[in-house]
Amino acid sequence: TYNRTIEEHYERAYSLDEIKGFIEKSGMKFEAAYDAFTFEP
């Protein structure tokens, strides 16, 4: 037999500018952002 369960997941979309803002405010330095698994913008 099978057990059924239900899970709810939530993810938020962030712009790169928003992420840069968090980085700067934390005291870190933004170095780069890449299209995944490449070194392309």
Full PDB file with SEQRES, HELIX, SHEET, SSBOND, CRYST1, ORIGX, SCALE, CONECT and MASTER records, all heavy atoms in Angstrom:
SEQRES   1 A   41  THR TYR ASN ARG THR ILE GLU GLU HIS TYR GLU ARG ALA          
SEQRES   2 A   41  TYR SER LEU ASP GLU ILE LYS GLY PHE ILE GLU LYS SER          
SEQRES   3 A   41  GLY MET LYS PHE GLU ALA ALA TYR ASP ALA PHE THR PHE          
SEQRES   4 A   41  GLU PRO                                                      
HELIX    1 AA1 LEU A   16  SER A   26  1                                  11    
CRYST1    1.000    1.000    1.000  90.00  90.00  90.00 P 1           1          
ORIGX1      1.000000  0.000000  0.000000        0.00000                         
ORIGX2      0.000000  1.000000  0.000000        0.00000                         
ORIGX3      0.000000  0.000000  1.000000        0.00000                         
SCALE1      1.000000  0.000000  0.000000        0.00000                         
SCALE2      0.000000  1.000000  0.000000        0.00000                         
SCALE3      0.000000  0.000000  1.000000        0.00000                         
ATOM      1  N   THR A   1       0.842  -1.193   0.000  1.00  0.00           N  
ATOM      2  CA  THR A   1       0.000   0.000   0.000  1.00  0.00           C  
ATOM      3  C   THR A   1       0.884   1.252   0.000  1.00  0.00           C  
ATOM      4  O   THR A   1       2.105   1.162   0.149  1.00  0.00           O  
ATOM      5  CB  THR A   1      -0.926   0.018   1.221  1.00  0.00           C  
ATOM      6  OG1 THR A   1      -0.126   0.057   2.419  1.00  0.00           O  
ATOM      7  CG2 THR A   1      -1.814  -1.218   1.247  1.00  0.00           C  
ATOM      8  N   TYR A   2       0.245   2.412  -0.150  1.00  0.00           N  
ATOM      9  CA  TYR A   2       0.992   3.668  -0.212  1.00  0.00           C  
ATOM     10  C   TYR A   2       0.508   4.628   0.864  1.00  0.00           C  
ATOM     11  O   TYR A   2      -0.690   4.725   1.129  1.00  0.00           O  
ATOM     12  CB  TYR A   2       0.816   4.336  -1.581  1.00  0.00           C  
ATOM     13  CG  TYR A   2       1.556   3.648  -2.703  1.00  0.00           C  
ATOM     14  CD1 TYR A   2       1.031   2.508  -3.303  1.00  0.00           C  
ATOM     15  CD2 TYR A   2       2.783   4.134  -3.165  1.00  0.00           C  
ATOM     16  CE1 TYR A   2       1.703   1.872  -4.344  1.00  0.00           C  
ATOM     17  CE2 TYR A   2       3.457   3.507  -4.208  1.00  0.00           C  
ATOM     18  CZ  TYR A   2       2.907   2.380  -4.798  1.00  0.00           C  
ATOM     19  OH  TYR A   2       3.582   1.754  -5.819  1.00  0.00           O  
ATOM     20  N   ASN A   3       1.463   5.325   1.478  1.00  0.00           N  
ATOM     21  CA  ASN A   3       1.134   6.428   2.376  1.00  0.00           C  
ATOM     22  C   ASN A   3       1.173   7.722   1.583  1.00  0.00           C  
ATOM     23  O   ASN A   3       2.120   7.965   0.817  1.00  0.00           O  
ATOM     24  CB  ASN A   3       2.159   6.525   3.512  1.00  0.00           C  
ATOM     25  CG  ASN A   3       1.907   5.496   4.590  1.00  0.00           C  
ATOM     26  OD1 ASN A   3       0.800   4.988   4.723  1.00  0.00           O  
ATOM     27  ND2 ASN A   3       2.946   5.189   5.351  1.00  0.00           N  
ATOM     28  N   ARG A   4       0.154   8.563   1.761  1.00  0.00           N  
ATOM     29  CA  ARG A   4       0.116   9.847   1.077  1.00  0.00           C  
ATOM     30  C   ARG A   4       0.365  10.978   2.060  1.00  0.00           C  
ATOM     31  O   ARG A   4      -0.233  11.021   3.135  1.00  0.00           O  
ATOM     32  CB  ARG A   4      -1.249  10.063   0.410  1.00  0.00           C  
ATOM     33  CG  ARG A   4      -1.351  11.403  -0.317  1.00  0.00           C  
ATOM     34  CD  ARG A   4      -2.768  11.757  -0.667  1.00  0.00           C  
ATOM     35  NE  ARG A   4      -2.845  13.034  -1.367  1.00  0.00           N  
ATOM     36  CZ  ARG A   4      -3.960  13.722  -1.535  1.00  0.00           C  
ATOM     37  NH1 ARG A   4      -5.105  13.264  -1.057  1.00  0.00           N  
ATOM     38  NH2 ARG A   4      -3.937  14.868  -2.186  1.00  0.00           N  
ATOM     39  N   THR A   5       1.243  11.884   1.693  1.00  0.00           N  
ATOM     40  CA  THR A   5       1.472  13.093   2.469  1.00  0.00           C  
ATOM     41  C   THR A   5       1.512  14.287   1.514  1.00  0.00           C  
ATOM     42  O   THR A   5       1.788  14.139   0.322  1.00  0.00           O  
ATOM     43  CB  THR A   5       2.798  13.039   3.264  1.00  0.00           C  
ATOM     44  OG1 THR A   5       3.879  12.774   2.359  1.00  0.00           O  
ATOM     45  CG2 THR A   5       2.755  11.967   4.321  1.00  0.00           C  
ATOM     46  N   ILE A   6       1.226  15.460   2.059  1.00  0.00           N  
ATOM     47  CA  ILE A   6       1.233  16.689   1.271  1.00  0.00           C  
ATOM     48  C   ILE A   6       2.171  17.689   1.932  1.00  0.00           C  
ATOM     49  O   ILE A   6       2.121  17.898   3.149  1.00  0.00           O  
ATOM     50  CB  ILE A   6      -0.179  17.293   1.165  1.00  0.00           C  
ATOM     51  CG1 ILE A   6      -1.139  16.304   0.488  1.00  0.00           C  
ATOM     52  CG2 ILE A   6      -0.136  18.605   0.387  1.00  0.00           C  
ATOM     53  CD1 ILE A   6      -2.576  16.784   0.456  1.00  0.00           C  
ATOM     54  N   GLU A   7       3.032  18.278   1.132  1.00  0.00           N  
ATOM     55  CA  GLU A   7       3.933  19.312   1.615  1.00  0.00           C  
ATOM     56  C   GLU A   7       3.705  20.587   0.814  1.00  0.00           C  
ATOM     57  O   GLU A   7       3.391  20.534  -0.380  1.00  0.00           O  
ATOM     58  CB  GLU A   7       5.402  18.886   1.474  1.00  0.00           C  
ATOM     59  CG  GLU A   7       5.786  17.705   2.343  1.00  0.00           C  
ATOM     60  CD  GLU A   7       7.277  17.415   2.278  1.00  0.00           C  
ATOM     61  OE1 GLU A   7       7.986  18.031   1.475  1.00  0.00           O  
ATOM     62  OE2 GLU A   7       7.721  16.542   3.043  1.00  0.00           O  
ATOM     63  N   GLU A   8       3.883  21.732   1.476  1.00  0.00           N  
ATOM     64  CA  GLU A   8       3.774  23.029   0.814  1.00  0.00           C  
ATOM     65  C   GLU A   8       5.144  23.698   0.818  1.00  0.00           C  
ATOM     66  O   GLU A   8       5.792  23.784   1.854  1.00  0.00           O  
ATOM     67  CB  GLU A   8       2.761  23.917   1.530  1.00  0.00           C  
ATOM     68  CG  GLU A   8       1.351  23.360   1.545  1.00  0.00           C  
ATOM     69  CD  GLU A   8       0.384  24.242   2.310  1.00  0.00           C  
ATOM     70  OE1 GLU A   8       0.737  25.417   2.564  1.00  0.00           O  
ATOM     71  OE2 GLU A   8      -0.710  23.766   2.649  1.00  0.00           O  
ATOM     72  N   HIS A   9       5.578  24.152  -0.342  1.00  0.00           N  
ATOM     73  CA  HIS A   9       6.877  24.801  -0.480  1.00  0.00           C  
ATOM     74  C   HIS A   9       6.686  26.199  -1.063  1.00  0.00           C  
ATOM     75  O   HIS A   9       5.848  26.395  -1.958  1.00  0.00           O  
ATOM     76  CB  HIS A   9       7.788  23.994  -1.407  1.00  0.00           C  
ATOM     77  CG  HIS A   9       8.152  22.641  -0.882  1.00  0.00           C  
ATOM     78  ND1 HIS A   9       9.448  22.301  -0.557  1.00  0.00           N  
ATOM     79  CD2 HIS A   9       7.397  21.538  -0.639  1.00  0.00           C  
ATOM     80  CE1 HIS A   9       9.465  21.039  -0.130  1.00  0.00           C  
ATOM     81  NE2 HIS A   9       8.238  20.564  -0.174  1.00  0.00           N  
ATOM     82  N   TYR A  10       7.490  27.142  -0.568  1.00  0.00           N  
ATOM     83  CA  TYR A  10       7.420  28.517  -1.054  1.00  0.00           C  
ATOM     84  C   TYR A  10       8.829  29.014  -1.357  1.00  0.00           C  
ATOM     85  O   TYR A  10       9.730  28.901  -0.520  1.00  0.00           O  
ATOM     86  CB  TYR A  10       6.777  29.432  -0.004  1.00  0.00           C  
ATOM     87  CG  TYR A  10       5.361  29.042   0.355  1.00  0.00           C  
ATOM     88  CD1 TYR A  10       5.114  28.132   1.381  1.00  0.00           C  
ATOM     89  CD2 TYR A  10       4.278  29.567  -0.348  1.00  0.00           C  
ATOM     90  CE1 TYR A  10       3.820  27.757   1.709  1.00  0.00           C  
ATOM     91  CE2 TYR A  10       2.976  29.205  -0.022  1.00  0.00           C  
ATOM     92  CZ  TYR A  10       2.757  28.298   0.993  1.00  0.00           C  
ATOM     93  OH  TYR A  10       1.474  27.916   1.319  1.00  0.00           O  
ATOM     94  N   GLU A  11       9.008  29.558  -2.549  1.00  0.00           N  
ATOM     95  CA  GLU A  11      10.274  30.170  -2.932  1.00  0.00           C  
ATOM     96  C   GLU A  11       9.995  31.573  -3.465  1.00  0.00           C  
ATOM     97  O   GLU A  11       8.961  31.812  -4.085  1.00  0.00           O  
ATOM     98  CB  GLU A  11      11.004  29.352  -4.001  1.00  0.00           C  
ATOM     99  CG  GLU A  11      11.457  27.980  -3.532  1.00  0.00           C  
ATOM    100  CD  GLU A  11      12.403  27.314  -4.515  1.00  0.00           C  
ATOM    101  OE1 GLU A  11      13.162  28.027  -5.204  1.00  0.00           O  
ATOM    102  OE2 GLU A  11      12.379  26.073  -4.609  1.00  0.00           O  
ATOM    103  N   ARG A  12      10.928  32.461  -3.240  1.00  0.00           N  
ATOM    104  CA  ARG A  12      10.765  33.841  -3.705  1.00  0.00           C  
ATOM    105  C   ARG A  12      11.767  34.154  -4.798  1.00  0.00           C  
ATOM    106  O   ARG A  12      12.922  33.708  -4.746  1.00  0.00           O  
ATOM    107  CB  ARG A  12      10.954  34.817  -2.542  1.00  0.00           C  
ATOM    108  CG  ARG A  12      10.904  36.278  -2.977  1.00  0.00           C  
ATOM    109  CD  ARG A  12      11.012  37.214  -1.800  1.00  0.00           C  
ATOM    110  NE  ARG A  12      11.335  38.573  -2.240  1.00  0.00           N  
ATOM    111  CZ  ARG A  12      11.592  39.582  -1.412  1.00  0.00           C  
ATOM    112  NH1 ARG A  12      11.536  39.388  -0.101  1.00  0.00           N  
ATOM    113  NH2 ARG A  12      11.897  40.771  -1.883  1.00  0.00           N  
ATOM    114  N   ALA A  13      11.324  34.894  -5.783  1.00  0.00           N  
ATOM    115  CA  ALA A  13      12.201  35.378  -6.839  1.00  0.00           C  
ATOM    116  C   ALA A  13      12.829  36.701  -6.400  1.00  0.00           C  
ATOM    117  O   ALA A  13      12.123  37.612  -5.962  1.00  0.00           O  
ATOM    118  CB  ALA A  13      11.431  35.575  -8.135  1.00  0.00           C  
ATOM    119  N   TYR A  14      14.156  36.782  -6.501  1.00  0.00           N  
ATOM    120  CA  TYR A  14      14.881  38.008  -6.177  1.00  0.00           C  
ATOM    121  C   TYR A  14      15.568  38.539  -7.427  1.00  0.00           C  
ATOM    122  O   TYR A  14      16.126  37.768  -8.214  1.00  0.00           O  
ATOM    123  CB  TYR A  14      15.948  37.756  -5.106  1.00  0.00           C  
ATOM    124  CG  TYR A  14      15.405  37.497  -3.719  1.00  0.00           C  
ATOM    125  CD1 TYR A  14      15.159  36.192  -3.293  1.00  0.00           C  
ATOM    126  CD2 TYR A  14      15.149  38.545  -2.850  1.00  0.00           C  
ATOM    127  CE1 TYR A  14      14.662  35.948  -2.011  1.00  0.00           C  
ATOM    128  CE2 TYR A  14      14.661  38.314  -1.568  1.00  0.00           C  
ATOM    129  CZ  TYR A  14      14.419  37.013  -1.156  1.00  0.00           C  
ATOM    130  OH  TYR A  14      13.928  36.778   0.103  1.00  0.00           O  
ATOM    131  N   SER A  15      15.562  39.851  -7.591  1.00  0.00           N  
ATOM    132  CA  SER A  15      16.343  40.451  -8.668  1.00  0.00           C  
ATOM    133  C   SER A  15      17.805  40.502  -8.236  1.00  0.00           C  
ATOM    134  O   SER A  15      18.117  40.482  -7.035  1.00  0.00           O  
ATOM    135  CB  SER A  15      15.845  41.860  -8.976  1.00  0.00           C  
ATOM    136  OG  SER A  15      16.174  42.741  -7.910  1.00  0.00           O  
ATOM    137  N   LEU A  16      18.690  40.590  -9.208  1.00  0.00           N  
ATOM    138  CA  LEU A  16      20.107  40.687  -8.885  1.00  0.00           C  
ATOM    139  C   LEU A  16      20.405  41.969  -8.118  1.00  0.00           C  
ATOM    140  O   LEU A  16      21.260  41.978  -7.215  1.00  0.00           O  
ATOM    141  CB  LEU A  16      20.943  40.602 -10.163  1.00  0.00           C  
ATOM    142  CG  LEU A  16      22.460  40.510  -9.981  1.00  0.00           C  
ATOM    143  CD1 LEU A  16      22.848  39.372  -9.048  1.00  0.00           C  
ATOM    144  CD2 LEU A  16      23.140  40.356 -11.338  1.00  0.00           C  
ATOM    145  N   ASP A  17      19.703  43.040  -8.428  1.00  0.00           N  
ATOM    146  CA  ASP A  17      19.907  44.286  -7.687  1.00  0.00           C  
ATOM    147  C   ASP A  17      19.531  44.128  -6.216  1.00  0.00           C  
ATOM    148  O   ASP A  17      20.201  44.683  -5.330  1.00  0.00           O  
ATOM    149  CB  ASP A  17      19.083  45.411  -8.312  1.00  0.00           C  
ATOM    150  CG  ASP A  17      19.692  45.958  -9.604  1.00  0.00           C  
ATOM    151  OD1 ASP A  17      20.894  45.715  -9.823  1.00  0.00           O  
ATOM    152  OD2 ASP A  17      18.969  46.598 -10.374  1.00  0.00           O  
ATOM    153  N   GLU A  18      18.459  43.383  -5.944  1.00  0.00           N  
ATOM    154  CA  GLU A  18      18.085  43.131  -4.552  1.00  0.00           C  
ATOM    155  C   GLU A  18      19.182  42.354  -3.828  1.00  0.00           C  
ATOM    156  O   GLU A  18      19.540  42.664  -2.687  1.00  0.00           O  
ATOM    157  CB  GLU A  18      16.765  42.359  -4.496  1.00  0.00           C  
ATOM    158  CG  GLU A  18      15.541  43.180  -4.854  1.00  0.00           C  
ATOM    159  CD  GLU A  18      14.272  42.356  -4.882  1.00  0.00           C  
ATOM    160  OE1 GLU A  18      14.266  41.264  -5.496  1.00  0.00           O  
ATOM    161  OE2 GLU A  18      13.267  42.803  -4.293  1.00  0.00           O  
ATOM    162  N   ILE A  19      19.712  41.356  -4.499  1.00  0.00           N  
ATOM    163  CA  ILE A  19      20.772  40.540  -3.899  1.00  0.00           C  
ATOM    164  C   ILE A  19      22.020  41.380  -3.646  1.00  0.00           C  
ATOM    165  O   ILE A  19      22.652  41.284  -2.580  1.00  0.00           O  
ATOM    166  CB  ILE A  19      21.097  39.343  -4.813  1.00  0.00           C  
ATOM    167  CG1 ILE A  19      19.900  38.379  -4.877  1.00  0.00           C  
ATOM    168  CG2 ILE A  19      22.343  38.621  -4.319  1.00  0.00           C  
ATOM    169  CD1 ILE A  19      19.492  37.783  -3.554  1.00  0.00           C  
ATOM    170  N   LYS A  20      22.370  42.227  -4.598  1.00  0.00           N  
ATOM    171  CA  LYS A  20      23.531  43.105  -4.411  1.00  0.00           C  
ATOM    172  C   LYS A  20      23.327  44.012  -3.198  1.00  0.00           C  
ATOM    173  O   LYS A  20      24.273  44.296  -2.458  1.00  0.00           O  
ATOM    174  CB  LYS A  20      23.761  43.950  -5.659  1.00  0.00           C  
ATOM    175  CG  LYS A  20      24.304  43.174  -6.851  1.00  0.00           C  
ATOM    176  CD  LYS A  20      24.471  44.103  -8.060  1.00  0.00           C  
ATOM    177  CE  LYS A  20      25.030  43.372  -9.255  1.00  0.00           C  
ATOM    178  NZ  LYS A  20      25.157  44.267 -10.450  1.00  0.00           N  
ATOM    179  N   GLY A  21      22.085  44.455  -2.997  1.00  0.00           N  
ATOM    180  CA  GLY A  21      21.791  45.304  -1.846  1.00  0.00           C  
ATOM    181  C   GLY A  21      22.015  44.576  -0.529  1.00  0.00           C  
ATOM    182  O   GLY A  21      22.595  45.134   0.409  1.00  0.00           O  
ATOM    183  N   PHE A  22      21.566  43.321  -0.446  1.00  0.00           N  
ATOM    184  CA  PHE A  22      21.787  42.532   0.763  1.00  0.00           C  
ATOM    185  C   PHE A  22      23.285  42.331   1.022  1.00  0.00           C  
ATOM    186  O   PHE A  22      23.748  42.416   2.157  1.00  0.00           O  
ATOM    187  CB  PHE A  22      21.114  41.160   0.642  1.00  0.00           C  
ATOM    188  CG  PHE A  22      19.614  41.209   0.568  1.00  0.00           C  
ATOM    189  CD1 PHE A  22      18.934  40.546  -0.454  1.00  0.00           C  
ATOM    190  CD2 PHE A  22      18.870  41.899   1.513  1.00  0.00           C  
ATOM    191  CE1 PHE A  22      17.547  40.575  -0.531  1.00  0.00           C  
ATOM    192  CE2 PHE A  22      17.479  41.936   1.451  1.00  0.00           C  
ATOM    193  CZ  PHE A  22      16.821  41.275   0.415  1.00  0.00           C  
ATOM    194  N   ILE A  23      24.020  42.041  -0.039  1.00  0.00           N  
ATOM    195  CA  ILE A  23      25.462  41.814   0.085  1.00  0.00           C  
ATOM    196  C   ILE A  23      26.155  43.058   0.617  1.00  0.00           C  
ATOM    197  O   ILE A  23      26.948  43.006   1.562  1.00  0.00           O  
ATOM    198  CB  ILE A  23      26.061  41.391  -1.275  1.00  0.00           C  
ATOM    199  CG1 ILE A  23      25.553  39.999  -1.673  1.00  0.00           C  
ATOM    200  CG2 ILE A  23      27.589  41.402  -1.225  1.00  0.00           C  
ATOM    201  CD1 ILE A  23      25.921  39.581  -3.085  1.00  0.00           C  
ATOM    202  N   GLU A  24      25.859  44.203  -0.005  1.00  0.00           N  
ATOM    203  CA  GLU A  24      26.501  45.457   0.400  1.00  0.00           C  
ATOM    204  C   GLU A  24      26.167  45.808   1.843  1.00  0.00           C  
ATOM    205  O   GLU A  24      27.047  46.205   2.624  1.00  0.00           O  
ATOM    206  CB  GLU A  24      26.063  46.583  -0.528  1.00  0.00           C  
ATOM    207  CG  GLU A  24      26.689  47.928  -0.190  1.00  0.00           C  
ATOM    208  CD  GLU A  24      26.253  49.036  -1.142  1.00  0.00           C  
ATOM    209  OE1 GLU A  24      25.491  48.745  -2.087  1.00  0.00           O  
ATOM    210  OE2 GLU A  24      26.660  50.190  -0.912  1.00  0.00           O  
ATOM    211  N   LYS A  25      24.906  45.652   2.219  1.00  0.00           N  
ATOM    212  CA  LYS A  25      24.491  46.008   3.581  1.00  0.00           C  
ATOM    213  C   LYS A  25      25.143  45.100   4.620  1.00  0.00           C  
ATOM    214  O   LYS A  25      25.374  45.514   5.759  1.00  0.00           O  
ATOM    215  CB  LYS A  25      22.971  45.927   3.690  1.00  0.00           C  
ATOM    216  CG  LYS A  25      22.410  46.526   4.980  1.00  0.00           C  
ATOM    217  CD  LYS A  25      20.891  46.578   4.958  1.00  0.00           C  
ATOM    218  CE  LYS A  25      20.335  47.166   6.245  1.00  0.00           C  
ATOM    219  NZ  LYS A  25      18.851  47.209   6.239  1.00  0.00           N  
ATOM    220  N   SER A  26      25.448  43.870   4.251  1.00  0.00           N  
ATOM    221  CA  SER A  26      26.080  42.933   5.188  1.00  0.00           C  
ATOM    222  C   SER A  26      27.546  43.259   5.438  1.00  0.00           C  
ATOM    223  O   SER A  26      28.140  42.767   6.401  1.00  0.00           O  
ATOM    224  CB  SER A  26      25.982  41.501   4.654  1.00  0.00           C  
ATOM    225  OG  SER A  26      26.891  41.291   3.579  1.00  0.00           O  
ATOM    226  N   GLY A  27      28.131  44.067   4.563  1.00  0.00           N  
ATOM    227  CA  GLY A  27      29.547  44.385   4.687  1.00  0.00           C  
ATOM    228  C   GLY A  27      30.416  43.584   3.744  1.00  0.00           C  
ATOM    229  O   GLY A  27      31.635  43.791   3.698  1.00  0.00           O  
ATOM    230  N   MET A  28      29.804  42.689   2.980  1.00  0.00           N  
ATOM    231  CA  MET A  28      30.564  41.937   1.989  1.00  0.00           C  
ATOM    232  C   MET A  28      30.637  42.708   0.683  1.00  0.00           C  
ATOM    233  O   MET A  28      29.971  43.722   0.492  1.00  0.00           O  
ATOM    234  CB  MET A  28      29.937  40.555   1.761  1.00  0.00           C  
ATOM    235  CG  MET A  28      30.159  39.581   2.890  1.00  0.00           C  
ATOM    236  SD  MET A  28      29.617  37.887   2.494  1.00  0.00           S  
ATOM    237  CE  MET A  28      27.833  38.081   2.548  1.00  0.00           C  
ATOM    238  N   LYS A  29      31.435  42.196  -0.240  1.00  0.00           N  
ATOM    239  CA  LYS A  29      31.609  42.798  -1.556  1.00  0.00           C  
ATOM    240  C   LYS A  29      31.039  41.867  -2.620  1.00  0.00           C  
ATOM    241  O   LYS A  29      31.373  40.685  -2.655  1.00  0.00           O  
ATOM    242  CB  LYS A  29      33.095  43.049  -1.827  1.00  0.00           C  
ATOM    243  CG  LYS A  29      33.400  43.585  -3.222  1.00  0.00           C  
ATOM    244  CD  LYS A  29      34.901  43.684  -3.434  1.00  0.00           C  
ATOM    245  CE  LYS A  29      35.222  44.136  -4.848  1.00  0.00           C  
ATOM    246  NZ  LYS A  29      36.698  44.147  -5.101  1.00  0.00           N  
ATOM    247  N   PHE A  30      30.179  42.409  -3.472  1.00  0.00           N  
ATOM    248  CA  PHE A  30      29.690  41.631  -4.612  1.00  0.00           C  
ATOM    249  C   PHE A  30      30.827  41.458  -5.600  1.00  0.00           C  
ATOM    250  O   PHE A  30      31.457  42.418  -6.020  1.00  0.00           O  
ATOM    251  CB  PHE A  30      28.519  42.353  -5.273  1.00  0.00           C  
ATOM    252  CG  PHE A  30      28.110  41.756  -6.596  1.00  0.00           C  
ATOM    253  CD1 PHE A  30      27.325  40.613  -6.638  1.00  0.00           C  
ATOM    254  CD2 PHE A  30      28.513  42.335  -7.792  1.00  0.00           C  
ATOM    255  CE1 PHE A  30      26.944  40.056  -7.857  1.00  0.00           C  
ATOM    256  CE2 PHE A  30      28.138  41.799  -9.015  1.00  0.00           C  
ATOM    257  CZ  PHE A  30      27.361  40.649  -9.043  1.00  0.00           C  
ATOM    258  N   GLU A  31      31.076  40.194  -5.970  1.00  0.00           N  
ATOM    259  CA  GLU A  31      32.160  39.914  -6.911  1.00  0.00           C  
ATOM    260  C   GLU A  31      31.647  39.623  -8.318  1.00  0.00           C  
ATOM    261  O   GLU A  31      32.177  40.133  -9.297  1.00  0.00           O  
ATOM    262  CB  GLU A  31      33.000  38.726  -6.423  1.00  0.00           C  
ATOM    263  CG  GLU A  31      33.843  39.011  -5.196  1.00  0.00           C  
ATOM    264  CD  GLU A  31      35.106  39.806  -5.525  1.00  0.00           C  
ATOM    265  OE1 GLU A  31      35.240  40.284  -6.656  1.00  0.00           O  
ATOM    266  OE2 GLU A  31      35.954  39.955  -4.618  1.00  0.00           O  
ATOM    267  N   ALA A  32      30.629  38.772  -8.440  1.00  0.00           N  
ATOM    268  CA  ALA A  32      30.179  38.377  -9.774  1.00  0.00           C  
ATOM    269  C   ALA A  32      28.852  37.640  -9.682  1.00  0.00           C  
ATOM    270  O   ALA A  32      28.470  37.129  -8.626  1.00  0.00           O  
ATOM    271  CB  ALA A  32      31.218  37.486 -10.445  1.00  0.00           C  
ATOM    272  N   ALA A  33      28.171  37.577 -10.821  1.00  0.00           N  
ATOM    273  CA  ALA A  33      26.981  36.746 -10.982  1.00  0.00           C  
ATOM    274  C   ALA A  33      27.072  36.104 -12.364  1.00  0.00           C  
ATOM    275  O   ALA A  33      27.428  36.775 -13.343  1.00  0.00           O  
ATOM    276  CB  ALA A  33      25.710  37.568 -10.855  1.00  0.00           C  
ATOM    277  N   TYR A  34      26.761  34.817 -12.424  1.00  0.00           N  
ATOM    278  CA  TYR A  34      26.926  34.066 -13.667  1.00  0.00           C  
ATOM    279  C   TYR A  34      25.676  33.266 -14.014  1.00  0.00           C  
ATOM    280  O   TYR A  34      24.952  32.804 -13.120  1.00  0.00           O  
ATOM    281  CB  TYR A  34      28.091  33.070 -13.541  1.00  0.00           C  
ATOM    282  CG  TYR A  34      29.419  33.683 -13.195  1.00  0.00           C  
ATOM    283  CD1 TYR A  34      30.030  33.395 -11.970  1.00  0.00           C  
ATOM    284  CD2 TYR A  34      30.070  34.534 -14.082  1.00  0.00           C  
ATOM    285  CE1 TYR A  34      31.259  33.938 -11.640  1.00  0.00           C  
ATOM    286  CE2 TYR A  34      31.306  35.088 -13.761  1.00  0.00           C  
ATOM    287  CZ  TYR A  34      31.895  34.789 -12.544  1.00  0.00           C  
ATOM    288  OH  TYR A  34      33.121  35.334 -12.210  1.00  0.00           O  
ATOM    289  N   ASP A  35      25.470  33.107 -15.299  1.00  0.00           N  
ATOM    290  CA  ASP A  35      24.526  32.103 -15.773  1.00  0.00           C  
ATOM    291  C   ASP A  35      25.070  30.754 -15.308  1.00  0.00           C  
ATOM    292  O   ASP A  35      26.258  30.457 -15.492  1.00  0.00           O  
ATOM    293  CB  ASP A  35      24.433  32.168 -17.295  1.00  0.00           C  
ATOM    294  CG  ASP A  35      23.370  31.252 -17.855  1.00  0.00           C  
ATOM    295  OD1 ASP A  35      22.247  31.259 -17.343  1.00  0.00           O  
ATOM    296  OD2 ASP A  35      23.678  30.509 -18.811  1.00  0.00           O  
ATOM    297  N   ALA A  36      24.243  29.931 -14.701  1.00  0.00           N  
ATOM    298  CA  ALA A  36      24.696  28.725 -14.002  1.00  0.00           C  
ATOM    299  C   ALA A  36      25.610  27.854 -14.854  1.00  0.00           C  
ATOM    300  O   ALA A  36      25.343  27.608 -16.039  1.00  0.00           O  
ATOM    301  CB  ALA A  36      23.503  27.908 -13.531  1.00  0.00           C  
ATOM    302  N   PHE A  37      26.705  27.413 -14.210  1.00  0.00           N  
ATOM    303  CA  PHE A  37      27.679  26.469 -14.767  1.00  0.00           C  
ATOM    304  C   PHE A  37      28.475  27.046 -15.929  1.00  0.00           C  
ATOM    305  O   PHE A  37      29.068  26.313 -16.721  1.00  0.00           O  
ATOM    306  CB  PHE A  37      27.006  25.151 -15.165  1.00  0.00           C  
ATOM    307  CG  PHE A  37      26.155  24.586 -14.061  1.00  0.00           C  
ATOM    308  CD1 PHE A  37      24.777  24.524 -14.185  1.00  0.00           C  
ATOM    309  CD2 PHE A  37      26.728  24.166 -12.876  1.00  0.00           C  
ATOM    310  CE1 PHE A  37      23.986  24.036 -13.162  1.00  0.00           C  
ATOM    311  CE2 PHE A  37      25.950  23.679 -11.826  1.00  0.00           C  
ATOM    312  CZ  PHE A  37      24.576  23.615 -11.976  1.00  0.00           C  
ATOM    313  N   THR A  38      28.487  28.367 -16.018  1.00  0.00           N  
ATOM    314  CA  THR A  38      29.310  29.067 -16.997  1.00  0.00           C  
ATOM    315  C   THR A  38      29.953  30.242 -16.278  1.00  0.00           C  
ATOM    316  O   THR A  38      29.676  30.500 -15.109  1.00  0.00           O  
ATOM    317  CB  THR A  38      28.483  29.608 -18.181  1.00  0.00           C  
ATOM    318  OG1 THR A  38      27.755  30.778 -17.757  1.00  0.00           O  
ATOM    319  CG2 THR A  38      27.495  28.561 -18.698  1.00  0.00           C  
ATOM    320  N   PHE A  39      30.794  30.961 -17.019  1.00  0.00           N  
ATOM    321  CA  PHE A  39      31.284  32.236 -16.520  1.00  0.00           C  
ATOM    322  C   PHE A  39      30.788  33.364 -17.419  1.00  0.00           C  
ATOM    323  O   PHE A  39      31.434  34.393 -17.575  1.00  0.00           O  
ATOM    324  CB  PHE A  39      32.810  32.210 -16.399  1.00  0.00           C  
ATOM    325  CG  PHE A  39      33.283  31.353 -15.258  1.00  0.00           C  
ATOM    326  CD1 PHE A  39      33.847  30.104 -15.494  1.00  0.00           C  
ATOM    327  CD2 PHE A  39      33.116  31.760 -13.945  1.00  0.00           C  
ATOM    328  CE1 PHE A  39      34.247  29.300 -14.448  1.00  0.00           C  
ATOM    329  CE2 PHE A  39      33.511  30.964 -12.885  1.00  0.00           C  
ATOM    330  CZ  PHE A  39      34.080  29.718 -13.132  1.00  0.00           C  
ATOM    331  N   GLU A  40      29.604  33.123 -17.987  1.00  0.00           N  
ATOM    332  CA  GLU A  40      28.940  34.119 -18.808  1.00  0.00           C  
ATOM    333  C   GLU A  40      28.021  34.983 -17.939  1.00  0.00           C  
ATOM    334  O   GLU A  40      27.533  34.530 -16.905  1.00  0.00           O  
ATOM    335  CB  GLU A  40      28.111  33.441 -19.901  1.00  0.00           C  
ATOM    336  CG  GLU A  40      28.934  32.593 -20.865  1.00  0.00           C  
ATOM    337  CD  GLU A  40      29.932  33.415 -21.641  1.00  0.00           C  
ATOM    338  OE1 GLU A  40      29.589  34.553 -22.039  1.00  0.00           O  
ATOM    339  OE2 GLU A  40      31.070  32.941 -21.837  1.00  0.00           O  
ATOM    340  N   PRO A  41      27.781  36.224 -18.351  1.00  0.00           N  
ATOM    341  CA  PRO A  41      26.894  37.089 -17.570  1.00  0.00           C  
ATOM    342  C   PRO A  41      25.478  36.506 -17.485  1.00  0.00           C  
ATOM    343  O   PRO A  41      25.067  35.699 -18.315  1.00  0.00           O  
ATOM    344  CB  PRO A  41      26.889  38.403 -18.367  1.00  0.00           C  
ATOM    345  CG  PRO A  41      28.110  38.347 -19.222  1.00  0.00           C  
ATOM    346  CD  PRO A  41      28.346  36.905 -19.531  1.00  0.00           C  
TER     347      PRO A  41                                                      
MASTER        0    0    0    1    0    0    0    6  346    1    0    4          
END                                                                             
